[in-house]
Amino acid sequence: MLVTDDLGLGVKSVNYTLAAILMQAHSHAIHHFASIGYIIYQLGIELPDADFGFNPTTPKATVEKR
């Protein structure tokens, strides 16, 4: 069984192993960071990393519009 995900370096497929679990955890963590980043942004707090919460595959033009 394979697990496939896009980690910002293109789509990667790995056997369902520890590597696959870590791959999914990485992708899912970005989802949570995006929610946290949105809340922080709405509170008017500036983060030191403008890319916080954005998947590495997000086009930079989208990030710069924030």
C-alpha atoms as a PDB file:
ATOM      1  CA  MET A   1       0.000   0.000   0.000  1.00  0.00           C
ATOM      2  CA  LEU A   2       1.310   3.462  -0.934  1.00  0.00           C
ATOM      3  CA  VAL A   3       0.758   6.859   0.652  1.00  0.00           C
ATOM      4  CA  THR A   4       1.051   9.829  -1.708  1.00  0.00           C
ATOM      5  CA  ASP A   5       1.392  13.476  -0.692  1.00  0.00           C
ATOM      6  CA  ASP A   6       2.815  16.751  -1.982  1.00  0.00           C
ATOM      7  CA  LEU A   7       5.477  18.005   0.431  1.00  0.00           C
ATOM      8  CA  GLY A   8       6.465  21.084  -1.507  1.00  0.00           C
ATOM      9  CA  LEU A   9       8.978  19.166  -3.566  1.00  0.00           C
ATOM     10  CA  GLY A  10       6.437  17.544  -5.836  1.00  0.00           C
ATOM     11  CA  VAL A  11       4.243  14.534  -5.294  1.00  0.00           C
ATOM     12  CA  LYS A  12       5.987  11.756  -3.398  1.00  0.00           C
ATOM     13  CA  SER A  13       4.783   8.200  -2.856  1.00  0.00           C
ATOM     14  CA  VAL A  14       6.120   5.924  -0.156  1.00  0.00           C
ATOM     15  CA  ASN A  15       5.157   2.562   1.239  1.00  0.00           C
ATOM     16  CA  TYR A  16       2.914   2.714   4.284  1.00  0.00           C
ATOM     17  CA  THR A  17       5.718   2.846   6.841  1.00  0.00           C
ATOM     18  CA  LEU A  18       7.067   5.250   9.428  1.00  0.00           C
ATOM     19  CA  ALA A  19       8.201   7.462   6.534  1.00  0.00           C
ATOM     20  CA  ALA A  20       4.635   7.584   5.207  1.00  0.00           C
ATOM     21  CA  ILE A  21       3.262   8.493   8.612  1.00  0.00           C
ATOM     22  CA  LEU A  22       5.820  11.292   9.018  1.00  0.00           C
ATOM     23  CA  MET A  23       5.045  12.539   5.506  1.00  0.00           C
ATOM     24  CA  GLN A  24       1.338  12.809   6.338  1.00  0.00           C
ATOM     25  CA  ALA A  25       2.043  14.409   9.731  1.00  0.00           C
ATOM     26  CA  HIS A  26       4.151  17.096   8.028  1.00  0.00           C
ATOM     27  CA  SER A  27       1.404  17.919   5.561  1.00  0.00           C
ATOM     28  CA  HIS A  28      -1.290  17.948   8.240  1.00  0.00           C
ATOM     29  CA  ALA A  29       0.780  20.177  10.546  1.00  0.00           C
ATOM     30  CA  ILE A  30       0.922  22.845   7.822  1.00  0.00           C
ATOM     31  CA  HIS A  31      -2.891  22.752   7.773  1.00  0.00           C
ATOM     32  CA  HIS A  32      -2.951  23.548  11.502  1.00  0.00           C
ATOM     33  CA  PHE A  33      -0.268  26.224  11.147  1.00  0.00           C
ATOM     34  CA  ALA A  34      -2.452  27.892   8.495  1.00  0.00           C
ATOM     35  CA  SER A  35      -5.360  28.091  10.947  1.00  0.00           C
ATOM     36  CA  ILE A  36      -3.119  29.482  13.672  1.00  0.00           C
ATOM     37  CA  GLY A  37      -1.561  31.964  11.234  1.00  0.00           C
ATOM     38  CA  TYR A  38      -5.002  33.212  10.206  1.00  0.00           C
ATOM     39  CA  ILE A  39      -6.026  33.814  13.807  1.00  0.00           C
ATOM     40  CA  ILE A  40      -2.765  35.595  14.607  1.00  0.00           C
ATOM     41  CA  TYR A  41      -3.124  37.742  11.466  1.00  0.00           C
ATOM     42  CA  GLN A  42      -6.707  38.689  12.446  1.00  0.00           C
ATOM     43  CA  LEU A  43      -5.435  39.740  15.879  1.00  0.00           C
ATOM     44  CA  GLY A  44      -2.991  42.111  14.183  1.00  0.00           C
ATOM     45  CA  ILE A  45       0.089  40.283  15.414  1.00  0.00           C
ATOM     46  CA  GLU A  46       3.001  40.219  12.996  1.00  0.00           C
ATOM     47  CA  LEU A  47       4.875  36.946  12.681  1.00  0.00           C
ATOM     48  CA  PRO A  48       8.622  36.984  12.001  1.00  0.00           C
ATOM     49  CA  ASP A  49       8.100  34.457   9.165  1.00  0.00           C
ATOM     50  CA  ALA A  50       5.720  35.696   6.450  1.00  0.00           C
ATOM     51  CA  ASP A  51       5.455  32.137   5.073  1.00  0.00           C
ATOM     52  CA  PHE A  52       4.131  30.667   8.335  1.00  0.00           C
ATOM     53  CA  GLY A  53       1.185  28.394   7.622  1.00  0.00           C
ATOM     54  CA  PHE A  54       1.724  28.303   3.878  1.00  0.00           C
ATOM     55  CA  ASN A  55       2.538  25.057   2.132  1.00  0.00           C
ATOM     56  CA  PRO A  56       5.899  25.347   0.344  1.00  0.00           C
ATOM     57  CA  THR A  57       4.001  24.792  -2.917  1.00  0.00           C
ATOM     58  CA  THR A  58       1.872  27.925  -2.396  1.00  0.00           C
ATOM     59  CA  PRO A  59       2.777  30.428  -5.133  1.00  0.00           C
ATOM     60  CA  LYS A  60       4.769  33.324  -3.696  1.00  0.00           C
ATOM     61  CA  ALA A  61       2.416  35.854  -5.333  1.00  0.00           C
ATOM     62  CA  THR A  62      -0.337  34.607  -2.998  1.00  0.00           C
ATOM     63  CA  VAL A  63       1.884  34.947   0.073  1.00  0.00           C
ATOM     64  CA  GLU A  64       2.964  38.470  -0.907  1.00  0.00           C
ATOM     65  CA  LYS A  65      -0.669  39.649  -1.193  1.00  0.00           C
ATOM     66  CA  ARG A  66      -1.227  39.156   2.545  1.00  0.00           C
END
